[in-house]
C-alpha cells in the first residue's frame, strides 16, 4: 500500500467523479464521524480516498484486489458498519416461529355487511 497526503477535497472529488472511476463503496460519514473513505477502482489501481475534517486527507493505493478488500472490511469494522449476520448464524429456529403461529386465534374474515 502506498499513501499520499492530499490537501484539498477538490482533488479527491476530481478522482471520485472521473469517468474512469468505478465507486465500490463509501464508508463513514463526514457529519457524524468526521471522516469518510471512498473505495474505488480507476483502471488497474485500487484506491481509497480518505476525506477528513479533523485530520489530513489522503489517497491510498493498494497493490491488489485482496489488499483492497481487506482494507475495506477493516474500515467498515472501524466505523461500526459490520455486515448483518445470516439468519442461521443468529440461532433463529423456523419451527419456533411456526409454533407461535399455531397458538394464535384465527378470526373469521367473512363479509358480514350483507347480513344486516
PDB file of N, CA and C in Angstrom:
ATOM      1  N   UNK A   1       0.840  -1.179   0.000  1.00  0.00           N
ATOM      2  CA  UNK A   1       0.000   0.000   0.000  1.00  0.00           C
ATOM      3  C   UNK A   1       0.885   1.242   0.000  1.00  0.00           C
ATOM      4  N   UNK A   2       0.478   2.185  -0.799  1.00  0.00           N
ATOM      5  CA  UNK A   2       1.135   3.482  -0.827  1.00  0.00           C
ATOM      6  C   UNK A   2       0.137   4.518  -0.332  1.00  0.00           C
ATOM      7  N   UNK A   3       0.625   5.515   0.387  1.00  0.00           N
ATOM      8  CA  UNK A   3      -0.253   6.561   0.904  1.00  0.00           C
ATOM      9  C   UNK A   3       0.332   7.933   0.594  1.00  0.00           C
ATOM     10  N   UNK A   4      -0.548   8.849   0.189  1.00  0.00           N
ATOM     11  CA  UNK A   4      -0.116  10.192  -0.138  1.00  0.00           C
ATOM     12  C   UNK A   4      -1.098  11.172   0.502  1.00  0.00           C
ATOM     13  N   UNK A   5      -0.576  12.205   1.157  1.00  0.00           N
ATOM     14  CA  UNK A   5      -1.429  13.225   1.765  1.00  0.00           C
ATOM     15  C   UNK A   5      -1.968  14.160   0.686  1.00  0.00           C
ATOM     16  N   UNK A   6      -3.251  14.460   0.793  1.00  0.00           N
ATOM     17  CA  UNK A   6      -3.927  15.345  -0.148  1.00  0.00           C
ATOM     18  C   UNK A   6      -4.455  16.534   0.643  1.00  0.00           C
ATOM     19  N   UNK A   7      -4.157  17.742   0.210  1.00  0.00           N
ATOM     20  CA  UNK A   7      -4.551  18.919   0.986  1.00  0.00           C
ATOM     21  C   UNK A   7      -5.967  19.402   0.681  1.00  0.00           C
ATOM     22  N   UNK A   8      -6.499  19.039  -0.460  1.00  0.00           N
ATOM     23  CA  UNK A   8      -7.796  19.579  -0.862  1.00  0.00           C
ATOM     24  C   UNK A   8      -8.814  18.478  -1.156  1.00  0.00           C
ATOM     25  N   UNK A   9     -10.038  18.692  -0.697  1.00  0.00           N
ATOM     26  CA  UNK A   9     -11.125  17.779  -1.027  1.00  0.00           C
ATOM     27  C   UNK A   9     -11.408  17.820  -2.520  1.00  0.00           C
ATOM     28  N   UNK A  10     -11.117  18.940  -3.167  1.00  0.00           N
ATOM     29  CA  UNK A  10     -11.374  19.073  -4.603  1.00  0.00           C
ATOM     30  C   UNK A  10     -10.573  18.042  -5.399  1.00  0.00           C
ATOM     31  N   UNK A  11      -9.374  17.762  -4.961  1.00  0.00           N
ATOM     32  CA  UNK A  11      -8.546  16.763  -5.645  1.00  0.00           C
ATOM     33  C   UNK A  11      -9.180  15.382  -5.509  1.00  0.00           C
ATOM     34  N   UNK A  12      -9.620  15.046  -4.298  1.00  0.00           N
ATOM     35  CA  UNK A  12     -10.276  13.757  -4.077  1.00  0.00           C
ATOM     36  C   UNK A  12     -11.585  13.678  -4.868  1.00  0.00           C
ATOM     37  N   UNK A  13     -12.342  14.771  -4.883  1.00  0.00           N
ATOM     38  CA  UNK A  13     -13.593  14.809  -5.643  1.00  0.00           C
ATOM     39  C   UNK A  13     -13.354  14.613  -7.137  1.00  0.00           C
ATOM     40  N   UNK A  14     -12.278  15.201  -7.649  1.00  0.00           N
ATOM     41  CA  UNK A  14     -11.962  15.075  -9.076  1.00  0.00           C
ATOM     42  C   UNK A  14     -11.677  13.612  -9.432  1.00  0.00           C
ATOM     43  N   UNK A  15     -10.978  12.918  -8.561  1.00  0.00           N
ATOM     44  CA  UNK A  15     -10.696  11.495  -8.802  1.00  0.00           C
ATOM     45  C   UNK A  15     -11.999  10.702  -8.739  1.00  0.00           C
ATOM     46  N   UNK A  16     -12.800  10.982  -7.708  1.00  0.00           N
ATOM     47  CA  UNK A  16     -14.055  10.251  -7.499  1.00  0.00           C
ATOM     48  C   UNK A  16     -15.030  10.461  -8.657  1.00  0.00           C
ATOM     49  N   UNK A  17     -15.072  11.665  -9.202  1.00  0.00           N
ATOM     50  CA  UNK A  17     -16.039  11.984 -10.247  1.00  0.00           C
ATOM     51  C   UNK A  17     -15.528  11.712 -11.660  1.00  0.00           C
ATOM     52  N   UNK A  18     -14.300  11.258 -11.780  1.00  0.00           N
ATOM     53  CA  UNK A  18     -13.764  10.986 -13.110  1.00  0.00           C
ATOM     54  C   UNK A  18     -14.537   9.830 -13.758  1.00  0.00           C
ATOM     55  N   UNK A  19     -14.624   9.865 -15.055  1.00  0.00           N
ATOM     56  CA  UNK A  19     -15.375   8.836 -15.792  1.00  0.00           C
ATOM     57  C   UNK A  19     -14.745   7.461 -15.644  1.00  0.00           C
ATOM     58  N   UNK A  20     -13.450   7.418 -15.395  1.00  0.00           N
ATOM     59  CA  UNK A  20     -12.754   6.143 -15.285  1.00  0.00           C
ATOM     60  C   UNK A  20     -12.922   5.491 -13.905  1.00  0.00           C
ATOM     61  N   UNK A  21     -13.414   6.255 -12.934  1.00  0.00           N
ATOM     62  CA  UNK A  21     -13.532   5.739 -11.569  1.00  0.00           C
ATOM     63  C   UNK A  21     -14.795   4.909 -11.394  1.00  0.00           C
ATOM     64  N   UNK A  22     -14.620   3.717 -10.869  1.00  0.00           N
ATOM     65  CA  UNK A  22     -15.740   2.849 -10.513  1.00  0.00           C
ATOM     66  C   UNK A  22     -15.815   2.821  -8.987  1.00  0.00           C
ATOM     67  N   UNK A  23     -16.851   3.449  -8.415  1.00  0.00           N
ATOM     68  CA  UNK A  23     -17.003   3.505  -6.966  1.00  0.00           C
ATOM     69  C   UNK A  23     -17.466   2.135  -6.479  1.00  0.00           C
ATOM     70  N   UNK A  24     -16.713   1.560  -5.556  1.00  0.00           N
ATOM     71  CA  UNK A  24     -17.059   0.258  -4.992  1.00  0.00           C
ATOM     72  C   UNK A  24     -17.943   0.445  -3.769  1.00  0.00           C
ATOM     73  N   UNK A  25     -17.507   1.320  -2.845  1.00  0.00           N
ATOM     74  CA  UNK A  25     -18.290   1.550  -1.631  1.00  0.00           C
ATOM     75  C   UNK A  25     -17.762   2.768  -0.886  1.00  0.00           C
ATOM     76  N   UNK A  26     -18.667   3.401  -0.130  1.00  0.00           N
ATOM     77  CA  UNK A  26     -18.289   4.512   0.749  1.00  0.00           C
ATOM     78  C   UNK A  26     -18.513   4.063   2.182  1.00  0.00           C
ATOM     79  N   UNK A  27     -17.579   4.403   3.052  1.00  0.00           N
ATOM     80  CA  UNK A  27     -17.667   4.015   4.461  1.00  0.00           C
ATOM     81  C   UNK A  27     -17.479   5.254   5.313  1.00  0.00           C
ATOM     82  N   UNK A  28     -18.364   5.445   6.279  1.00  0.00           N
ATOM     83  CA  UNK A  28     -18.250   6.582   7.186  1.00  0.00           C
ATOM     84  C   UNK A  28     -19.144   7.727   6.750  1.00  0.00           C
ATOM     85  N   UNK A  29     -19.137   8.766   7.584  1.00  0.00           N
ATOM     86  CA  UNK A  29     -19.986   9.923   7.351  1.00  0.00           C
ATOM     87  C   UNK A  29     -19.256  11.144   7.895  1.00  0.00           C
ATOM     88  N   UNK A  30     -19.008  12.112   7.055  1.00  0.00           N
ATOM     89  CA  UNK A  30     -18.259  13.301   7.480  1.00  0.00           C
ATOM     90  C   UNK A  30     -18.972  14.080   8.579  1.00  0.00           C
ATOM     91  N   UNK A  31     -20.291  14.112   8.550  1.00  0.00           N
ATOM     92  CA  UNK A  31     -21.022  14.873   9.559  1.00  0.00           C
ATOM     93  C   UNK A  31     -21.060  14.156  10.902  1.00  0.00           C
ATOM     94  N   UNK A  32     -21.150  12.841  10.888  1.00  0.00           N
ATOM     95  CA  UNK A  32     -21.243  12.075  12.126  1.00  0.00           C
ATOM     96  C   UNK A  32     -19.861  11.672  12.650  1.00  0.00           C
ATOM     97  N   UNK A  33     -19.038  11.123  11.785  1.00  0.00           N
ATOM     98  CA  UNK A  33     -17.752  10.537  12.191  1.00  0.00           C
ATOM     99  C   UNK A  33     -16.556  11.436  11.931  1.00  0.00           C
ATOM    100  N   UNK A  34     -16.737  12.509  11.195  1.00  0.00           N
ATOM    101  CA  UNK A  34     -15.679  13.442  10.811  1.00  0.00           C
ATOM    102  C   UNK A  34     -14.675  12.843   9.835  1.00  0.00           C
ATOM    103  N   UNK A  35     -15.021  11.649   9.294  1.00  0.00           N
ATOM    104  CA  UNK A  35     -14.171  11.071   8.256  1.00  0.00           C
ATOM    105  C   UNK A  35     -15.013  10.150   7.373  1.00  0.00           C
ATOM    106  N   UNK A  36     -14.545   9.980   6.146  1.00  0.00           N
ATOM    107  CA  UNK A  36     -15.238   9.122   5.194  1.00  0.00           C
ATOM    108  C   UNK A  36     -14.202   8.571   4.227  1.00  0.00           C
ATOM    109  N   UNK A  37     -14.355   7.304   3.895  1.00  0.00           N
ATOM    110  CA  UNK A  37     -13.482   6.671   2.917  1.00  0.00           C
ATOM    111  C   UNK A  37     -14.310   6.233   1.729  1.00  0.00           C
ATOM    112  N   UNK A  38     -13.833   6.555   0.543  1.00  0.00           N
ATOM    113  CA  UNK A  38     -14.480   6.125  -0.687  1.00  0.00           C
ATOM    114  C   UNK A  38     -13.520   5.158  -1.367  1.00  0.00           C
ATOM    115  N   UNK A  39     -13.983   3.929  -1.545  1.00  0.00           N
ATOM    116  CA  UNK A  39     -13.166   2.911  -2.191  1.00  0.00           C
ATOM    117  C   UNK A  39     -13.568   2.851  -3.656  1.00  0.00           C
ATOM    118  N   UNK A  40     -12.578   2.988  -4.528  1.00  0.00           N
ATOM    119  CA  UNK A  40     -12.870   2.998  -5.958  1.00  0.00           C
ATOM    120  C   UNK A  40     -11.736   2.343  -6.745  1.00  0.00           C
ATOM    121  N   UNK A  41     -12.081   1.993  -7.977  1.00  0.00           N
ATOM    122  CA  UNK A  41     -11.112   1.396  -8.895  1.00  0.00           C
ATOM    123  C   UNK A  41     -11.006   2.319 -10.099  1.00  0.00           C
ATOM    124  N   UNK A  42      -9.779   2.711 -10.407  1.00  0.00           N
ATOM    125  CA  UNK A  42      -9.511   3.531 -11.586  1.00  0.00           C
ATOM    126  C   UNK A  42      -8.513   2.751 -12.431  1.00  0.00           C
ATOM    127  N   UNK A  43      -9.008   2.254 -13.566  1.00  0.00           N
ATOM    128  CA  UNK A  43      -8.239   1.387 -14.455  1.00  0.00           C
ATOM    129  C   UNK A  43      -7.705   0.193 -13.659  1.00  0.00           C
ATOM    130  N   UNK A  44      -6.400   0.083 -13.453  1.00  0.00           N
ATOM    131  CA  UNK A  44      -5.833  -1.051 -12.705  1.00  0.00           C
ATOM    132  C   UNK A  44      -5.452  -0.680 -11.277  1.00  0.00           C
ATOM    133  N   UNK A  45      -5.852   0.503 -10.827  1.00  0.00           N
ATOM    134  CA  UNK A  45      -5.476   0.971  -9.498  1.00  0.00           C
ATOM    135  C   UNK A  45      -6.657   0.847  -8.526  1.00  0.00           C
ATOM    136  N   UNK A  46      -6.368   0.285  -7.356  1.00  0.00           N
ATOM    137  CA  UNK A  46      -7.355   0.150  -6.285  1.00  0.00           C
ATOM    138  C   UNK A  46      -7.081   1.260  -5.279  1.00  0.00           C
ATOM    139  N   UNK A  47      -8.027   2.203  -5.169  1.00  0.00           N
ATOM    140  CA  UNK A  47      -7.803   3.417  -4.386  1.00  0.00           C
ATOM    141  C   UNK A  47      -8.784   3.574  -3.237  1.00  0.00           C
ATOM    142  N   UNK A  48      -8.296   4.191  -2.172  1.00  0.00           N
ATOM    143  CA  UNK A  48      -9.137   4.632  -1.074  1.00  0.00           C
ATOM    144  C   UNK A  48      -8.945   6.139  -0.947  1.00  0.00           C
ATOM    145  N   UNK A  49     -10.022   6.876  -1.126  1.00  0.00           N
ATOM    146  CA  UNK A  49      -9.989   8.331  -0.978  1.00  0.00           C
ATOM    147  C   UNK A  49     -10.460   8.638   0.434  1.00  0.00           C
ATOM    148  N   UNK A  50      -9.575   9.180   1.265  1.00  0.00           N
ATOM    149  CA  UNK A  50      -9.888   9.425   2.675  1.00  0.00           C
ATOM    150  C   UNK A  50     -10.167  10.903   2.905  1.00  0.00           C
ATOM    151  N   UNK A  51     -11.435  11.215   3.157  1.00  0.00           N
ATOM    152  CA  UNK A  51     -11.852  12.581   3.474  1.00  0.00           C
ATOM    153  C   UNK A  51     -11.877  12.724   4.986  1.00  0.00           C
ATOM    154  N   UNK A  52     -11.408  13.863   5.491  1.00  0.00           N
ATOM    155  CA  UNK A  52     -11.461  14.105   6.929  1.00  0.00           C
ATOM    156  C   UNK A  52     -11.587  15.600   7.185  1.00  0.00           C
ATOM    157  N   UNK A  53     -12.392  15.933   8.191  1.00  0.00           N
ATOM    158  CA  UNK A  53     -12.464  17.345   8.567  1.00  0.00           C
ATOM    159  C   UNK A  53     -11.699  17.609   9.855  1.00  0.00           C
ATOM    160  N   UNK A  54     -11.052  16.562  10.400  1.00  0.00           N
ATOM    161  CA  UNK A  54     -10.283  16.752  11.630  1.00  0.00           C
ATOM    162  C   UNK A  54      -8.822  16.320  11.503  1.00  0.00           C
ATOM    163  N   UNK A  55      -8.465  15.677  10.390  1.00  0.00           N
ATOM    164  CA  UNK A  55      -7.079  15.243  10.169  1.00  0.00           C
ATOM    165  C   UNK A  55      -6.754  15.445   8.684  1.00  0.00           C
ATOM    166  N   UNK A  56      -5.577  15.033   8.305  1.00  0.00           N
ATOM    167  CA  UNK A  56      -5.151  15.205   6.908  1.00  0.00           C
ATOM    168  C   UNK A  56      -5.920  14.243   6.000  1.00  0.00           C
ATOM    169  N   UNK A  57      -6.297  14.713   4.828  1.00  0.00           N
ATOM    170  CA  UNK A  57      -6.910  13.865   3.805  1.00  0.00           C
ATOM    171  C   UNK A  57      -5.801  13.044   3.164  1.00  0.00           C
ATOM    172  N   UNK A  58      -6.159  11.878   2.643  1.00  0.00           N
ATOM    173  CA  UNK A  58      -5.114  11.094   1.992  1.00  0.00           C
ATOM    174  C   UNK A  58      -5.701  10.227   0.892  1.00  0.00           C
ATOM    175  N   UNK A  59      -4.808   9.756   0.061  1.00  0.00           N
ATOM    176  CA  UNK A  59      -5.122   8.840  -1.023  1.00  0.00           C
ATOM    177  C   UNK A  59      -4.278   7.601  -0.776  1.00  0.00           C
ATOM    178  N   UNK A  60      -4.940   6.448  -0.708  1.00  0.00           N
ATOM    179  CA  UNK A  60      -4.211   5.186  -0.520  1.00  0.00           C
ATOM    180  C   UNK A  60      -4.386   4.340  -1.772  1.00  0.00           C
ATOM    181  N   UNK A  61      -3.285   3.794  -2.227  1.00  0.00           N
ATOM    182  CA  UNK A  61      -3.301   2.912  -3.398  1.00  0.00           C
ATOM    183  C   UNK A  61      -2.873   1.529  -2.944  1.00  0.00           C
ATOM    184  N   UNK A  62      -3.728   0.541  -3.218  1.00  0.00           N
ATOM    185  CA  UNK A  62      -3.453  -0.833  -2.804  1.00  0.00           C
ATOM    186  C   UNK A  62      -2.860  -1.627  -3.958  1.00  0.00           C
ATOM    187  N   UNK A  63      -2.007  -2.583  -3.615  1.00  0.00           N
ATOM    188  CA  UNK A  63      -1.285  -3.358  -4.617  1.00  0.00           C
ATOM    189  C   UNK A  63      -2.176  -4.296  -5.422  1.00  0.00           C
ATOM    190  N   UNK A  64      -3.188  -4.875  -4.772  1.00  0.00           N
ATOM    191  CA  UNK A  64      -4.057  -5.824  -5.471  1.00  0.00           C
ATOM    192  C   UNK A  64      -5.459  -5.820  -4.882  1.00  0.00           C
ATOM    193  N   UNK A  65      -6.339  -6.568  -5.509  1.00  0.00           N
ATOM    194  CA  UNK A  65      -7.757  -6.606  -5.114  1.00  0.00           C
ATOM    195  C   UNK A  65      -7.927  -7.146  -3.687  1.00  0.00           C
ATOM    196  N   UNK A  66      -7.129  -8.142  -3.313  1.00  0.00           N
ATOM    197  CA  UNK A  66      -7.235  -8.731  -1.974  1.00  0.00           C
ATOM    198  C   UNK A  66      -6.908  -7.715  -0.885  1.00  0.00           C
ATOM    199  N   UNK A  67      -5.817  -6.993  -1.068  1.00  0.00           N
ATOM    200  CA  UNK A  67      -5.418  -5.971  -0.098  1.00  0.00           C
ATOM    201  C   UNK A  67      -6.483  -4.865  -0.018  1.00  0.00           C
ATOM    202  N   UNK A  68      -7.039  -4.510  -1.164  1.00  0.00           N
ATOM    203  CA  UNK A  68      -8.095  -3.501  -1.265  1.00  0.00           C
ATOM    204  C   UNK A  68      -9.332  -3.932  -0.470  1.00  0.00           C
ATOM    205  N   UNK A  69      -9.802  -5.164  -0.689  1.00  0.00           N
ATOM    206  CA  UNK A  69     -10.984  -5.672   0.002  1.00  0.00           C
ATOM    207  C   UNK A  69     -10.745  -5.830   1.502  1.00  0.00           C
ATOM    208  N   UNK A  70      -9.542  -6.213   1.874  1.00  0.00           N
ATOM    209  CA  UNK A  70      -9.189  -6.331   3.288  1.00  0.00           C
ATOM    210  C   UNK A  70      -9.258  -4.961   3.968  1.00  0.00           C
ATOM    211  N   UNK A  71      -8.758  -3.938   3.310  1.00  0.00           N
ATOM    212  CA  UNK A  71      -8.812  -2.575   3.850  1.00  0.00           C
ATOM    213  C   UNK A  71     -10.259  -2.092   3.959  1.00  0.00           C
ATOM    214  N   UNK A  72     -11.087  -2.432   2.981  1.00  0.00           N
ATOM    215  CA  UNK A  72     -12.497  -2.056   3.003  1.00  0.00           C
ATOM    216  C   UNK A  72     -13.190  -2.689   4.213  1.00  0.00           C
ATOM    217  N   UNK A  73     -12.980  -3.968   4.444  1.00  0.00           N
ATOM    218  CA  UNK A  73     -13.587  -4.643   5.602  1.00  0.00           C
ATOM    219  C   UNK A  73     -13.075  -4.058   6.916  1.00  0.00           C
ATOM    220  N   UNK A  74     -11.793  -3.755   6.963  1.00  0.00           N
ATOM    221  CA  UNK A  74     -11.203  -3.154   8.168  1.00  0.00           C
ATOM    222  C   UNK A  74     -11.831  -1.788   8.462  1.00  0.00           C
ATOM    223  N   UNK A  75     -12.016  -0.995   7.417  1.00  0.00           N
ATOM    224  CA  UNK A  75     -12.612   0.333   7.585  1.00  0.00           C
ATOM    225  C   UNK A  75     -14.064   0.213   8.059  1.00  0.00           C
ATOM    226  N   UNK A  76     -14.788  -0.769   7.533  1.00  0.00           N
ATOM    227  CA  UNK A  76     -16.167  -0.997   7.969  1.00  0.00           C
ATOM    228  C   UNK A  76     -16.214  -1.337   9.456  1.00  0.00           C
ATOM    229  N   UNK A  77     -15.298  -2.177   9.897  1.00  0.00           N
ATOM    230  CA  UNK A  77     -15.254  -2.537  11.314  1.00  0.00           C
ATOM    231  C   UNK A  77     -14.911  -1.323  12.164  1.00  0.00           C
ATOM    232  N   UNK A  78     -13.988  -0.500  11.682  1.00  0.00           N
ATOM    233  CA  UNK A  78     -13.612   0.714  12.419  1.00  0.00           C
ATOM    234  C   UNK A  78     -14.798   1.653  12.579  1.00  0.00           C
ATOM    235  N   UNK A  79     -15.647   1.722  11.563  1.00  0.00           N
ATOM    236  CA  UNK A  79     -16.784   2.629  11.557  1.00  0.00           C
ATOM    237  C   UNK A  79     -18.043   1.988  12.140  1.00  0.00           C
ATOM    238  N   UNK A  80     -17.951   0.722  12.520  1.00  0.00           N
ATOM    239  CA  UNK A  80     -19.114   0.038  13.069  1.00  0.00           C
ATOM    240  C   UNK A  80     -20.114  -0.388  12.033  1.00  0.00           C
ATOM    241  N   UNK A  81     -19.680  -0.564  10.808  1.00  0.00           N
ATOM    242  CA  UNK A  81     -20.572  -0.977   9.724  1.00  0.00           C
ATOM    243  C   UNK A  81     -20.352  -2.445   9.392  1.00  0.00           C
ATOM    244  N   UNK A  82     -20.432  -3.285  10.415  1.00  0.00           N
ATOM    245  CA  UNK A  82     -20.245  -4.711  10.189  1.00  0.00           C
ATOM    246  C   UNK A  82     -21.409  -5.260   9.385  1.00  0.00           C
ATOM    247  N   UNK A  83     -21.147  -6.257   8.564  1.00  0.00           N
ATOM    248  CA  UNK A  83     -22.245  -6.843   7.786  1.00  0.00           C
ATOM    249  C   UNK A  83     -23.242  -7.548   8.699  1.00  0.00           C
ATOM    250  N   UNK A  84     -24.502  -7.633   8.243  1.00  0.00           N
ATOM    251  CA  UNK A  84     -25.536  -8.308   9.014  1.00  0.00           C
ATOM    252  C   UNK A  84     -25.229  -9.791   9.110  1.00  0.00           C
ATOM    253  N   UNK A  85     -25.656 -10.382  10.239  1.00  0.00           N
ATOM    254  CA  UNK A  85     -25.495 -11.816  10.402  1.00  0.00           C
ATOM    255  C   UNK A  85     -26.497 -12.544   9.528  1.00  0.00           C
ATOM    256  N   UNK A  86     -26.139 -13.729   9.099  1.00  0.00           N
ATOM    257  CA  UNK A  86     -27.079 -14.548   8.358  1.00  0.00           C
ATOM    258  C   UNK A  86     -28.087 -15.115   9.349  1.00  0.00           C
ATOM    259  N   UNK A  87     -29.258 -15.452   8.887  1.00  0.00           N
ATOM    260  CA  UNK A  87     -30.314 -15.958   9.763  1.00  0.00           C
ATOM    261  C   UNK A  87     -29.844 -17.200  10.509  1.00  0.00           C
ATOM    262  N   UNK A  88     -29.176 -18.111   9.836  1.00  0.00           N
ATOM    263  CA  UNK A  88     -28.742 -19.342  10.504  1.00  0.00           C
ATOM    264  C   UNK A  88     -27.677 -19.079  11.556  1.00  0.00           C
ATOM    265  N   UNK A  89     -26.952 -17.960  11.446  1.00  0.00           N
ATOM    266  CA  UNK A  89     -25.931 -17.622  12.431  1.00  0.00           C
ATOM    267  C   UNK A  89     -26.531 -17.080  13.722  1.00  0.00           C
ATOM    268  N   UNK A  90     -27.770 -16.600  13.685  1.00  0.00           N
ATOM    269  CA  UNK A  90     -28.389 -15.994  14.854  1.00  0.00           C
ATOM    270  C   UNK A  90     -29.142 -17.007  15.706  1.00  0.00           C
ATOM    271  N   UNK A  91     -29.177 -18.257  15.303  1.00  0.00           N
ATOM    272  CA  UNK A  91     -29.878 -19.258  16.075  1.00  0.00           C
ATOM    273  C   UNK A  91     -31.390 -19.177  15.914  1.00  0.00           C
ATOM    274  N   UNK A  92     -31.846 -18.613  14.844  1.00  0.00           N
ATOM    275  CA  UNK A  92     -33.271 -18.490  14.566  1.00  0.00           C
ATOM    276  C   UNK A  92     -33.803 -19.853  14.162  1.00  0.00           C
ATOM    277  N   UNK A  93     -34.868 -20.273  14.801  1.00  0.00           N
ATOM    278  CA  UNK A  93     -35.441 -21.579  14.527  1.00  0.00           C
ATOM    279  C   UNK A  93     -36.815 -21.392  13.902  1.00  0.00           C
ATOM    280  N   UNK A  94     -36.972 -21.841  12.668  1.00  0.00           N
ATOM    281  CA  UNK A  94     -38.247 -21.669  11.978  1.00  0.00           C
ATOM    282  C   UNK A  94     -39.361 -22.440  12.667  1.00  0.00           C
ATOM    283  N   UNK A  95     -39.040 -23.584  13.280  1.00  0.00           N
ATOM    284  CA  UNK A  95     -40.054 -24.365  13.981  1.00  0.00           C
ATOM    285  C   UNK A  95     -40.661 -23.576  15.120  1.00  0.00           C
ATOM    286  N   UNK A  96     -39.829 -22.798  15.842  1.00  0.00           N
ATOM    287  CA  UNK A  96     -40.340 -21.963  16.927  1.00  0.00           C
ATOM    288  C   UNK A  96     -41.351 -20.967  16.399  1.00  0.00           C
ATOM    289  N   UNK A  97     -41.049 -20.352  15.263  1.00  0.00           N
ATOM    290  CA  UNK A  97     -41.934 -19.354  14.678  1.00  0.00           C
ATOM    291  C   UNK A  97     -43.255 -19.995  14.264  1.00  0.00           C
ATOM    292  N   UNK A  98     -43.213 -21.212  13.722  1.00  0.00           N
ATOM    293  CA  UNK A  98     -44.430 -21.895  13.312  1.00  0.00           C
ATOM    294  C   UNK A  98     -45.277 -22.262  14.528  1.00  0.00           C
ATOM    295  N   UNK A  99     -44.640 -22.674  15.631  1.00  0.00           N
ATOM    296  CA  UNK A  99     -45.376 -22.996  16.852  1.00  0.00           C
ATOM    297  C   UNK A  99     -46.122 -21.779  17.372  1.00  0.00           C
ATOM    298  N   UNK A 100     -45.499 -20.610  17.307  1.00  0.00           N
ATOM    299  CA  UNK A 100     -46.138 -19.380  17.759  1.00  0.00           C
ATOM    300  C   UNK A 100     -47.350 -19.062  16.893  1.00  0.00           C
ATOM    301  N   UNK A 101     -47.255 -19.303  15.582  1.00  0.00           N
ATOM    302  CA  UNK A 101     -48.367 -19.030  14.673  1.00  0.00           C
ATOM    303  C   UNK A 101     -49.557 -19.931  14.978  1.00  0.00           C
ATOM    304  N   UNK A 102     -49.300 -21.190  15.371  1.00  0.00           N
ATOM    305  CA  UNK A 102     -50.379 -22.117  15.664  1.00  0.00           C
ATOM    306  C   UNK A 102     -51.147 -21.712  16.917  1.00  0.00           C
ATOM    307  N   UNK A 103     -50.485 -21.041  17.859  1.00  0.00           N
ATOM    308  CA  UNK A 103     -51.118 -20.627  19.099  1.00  0.00           C
ATOM    309  C   UNK A 103     -52.033 -19.430  18.922  1.00  0.00           C
ATOM    310  N   UNK A 104     -51.903 -18.712  17.839  1.00  0.00           N
ATOM    311  CA  UNK A 104     -52.703 -17.515  17.630  1.00  0.00           C
ATOM    312  C   UNK A 104     -54.125 -17.888  17.238  1.00  0.00           C
ATOM    313  N   UNK A 105     -55.091 -17.084  17.683  1.00  0.00           N
ATOM    314  CA  UNK A 105     -56.500 -17.308  17.393  1.00  0.00           C
ATOM    315  C   UNK A 105     -56.782 -16.851  15.972  1.00  0.00           C
ATOM    316  N   UNK A 106     -57.530 -17.658  15.237  1.00  0.00           N
ATOM    317  CA  UNK A 106     -57.898 -17.275  13.874  1.00  0.00           C
ATOM    318  C   UNK A 106     -59.216 -16.523  13.914  1.00  0.00           C
ATOM    319  N   UNK A 107     -59.342 -15.491  13.114  1.00  0.00           N
ATOM    320  CA  UNK A 107     -60.544 -14.691  13.035  1.00  0.00           C
ATOM    321  C   UNK A 107     -61.292 -15.015  11.753  1.00  0.00           C
ATOM    322  N   UNK A 108     -62.627 -14.946  11.822  1.00  0.00           N
ATOM    323  CA  UNK A 108     -63.466 -15.174  10.659  1.00  0.00           C
ATOM    324  C   UNK A 108     -63.447 -13.898   9.821  1.00  0.00           C
ATOM    325  N   UNK A 109     -63.031 -14.003   8.589  1.00  0.00           N
ATOM    326  CA  UNK A 109     -62.922 -12.826   7.732  1.00  0.00           C
ATOM    327  C   UNK A 109     -64.067 -12.731   6.737  1.00  0.00           C
ATOM    328  N   UNK A 110     -65.132 -13.468   6.972  1.00  0.00           N
ATOM    329  CA  UNK A 110     -66.281 -13.454   6.086  1.00  0.00           C
ATOM    330  C   UNK A 110     -66.951 -12.089   6.101  1.00  0.00           C
ATOM    331  N   UNK A 111     -67.408 -11.640   4.952  1.00  0.00           N
ATOM    332  CA  UNK A 111     -68.067 -10.346   4.838  1.00  0.00           C
ATOM    333  C   UNK A 111     -69.464 -10.425   5.450  1.00  0.00           C
ATOM    334  N   UNK A 112     -69.672  -9.654   6.517  1.00  0.00           N
ATOM    335  CA  UNK A 112     -70.953  -9.665   7.211  1.00  0.00           C
ATOM    336  C   UNK A 112     -71.821  -8.475   6.852  1.00  0.00           C
ATOM    337  N   UNK A 113     -71.414  -7.668   5.911  1.00  0.00           N
ATOM    338  CA  UNK A 113     -72.167  -6.460   5.576  1.00  0.00           C
ATOM    339  C   UNK A 113     -73.540  -6.783   4.972  1.00  0.00           C
ATOM    340  N   UNK A 114     -73.664  -7.922   4.286  1.00  0.00           N
ATOM    341  CA  UNK A 114     -74.934  -8.287   3.682  1.00  0.00           C
ATOM    342  C   UNK A 114     -75.904  -8.890   4.683  1.00  0.00           C
ATOM    343  N   UNK A 115     -75.445  -9.287   5.842  1.00  0.00           N
ATOM    344  CA  UNK A 115     -76.284  -9.948   6.837  1.00  0.00           C
ATOM    345  C   UNK A 115     -77.238  -8.962   7.530  1.00  0.00           C
ATOM    346  N   UNK A 116     -76.980  -7.678   7.488  1.00  0.00           N
ATOM    347  CA  UNK A 116     -77.825  -6.712   8.199  1.00  0.00           C
ATOM    348  C   UNK A 116     -78.866  -6.103   7.344  1.00  0.00           C
TER     349      UNK A 116
END
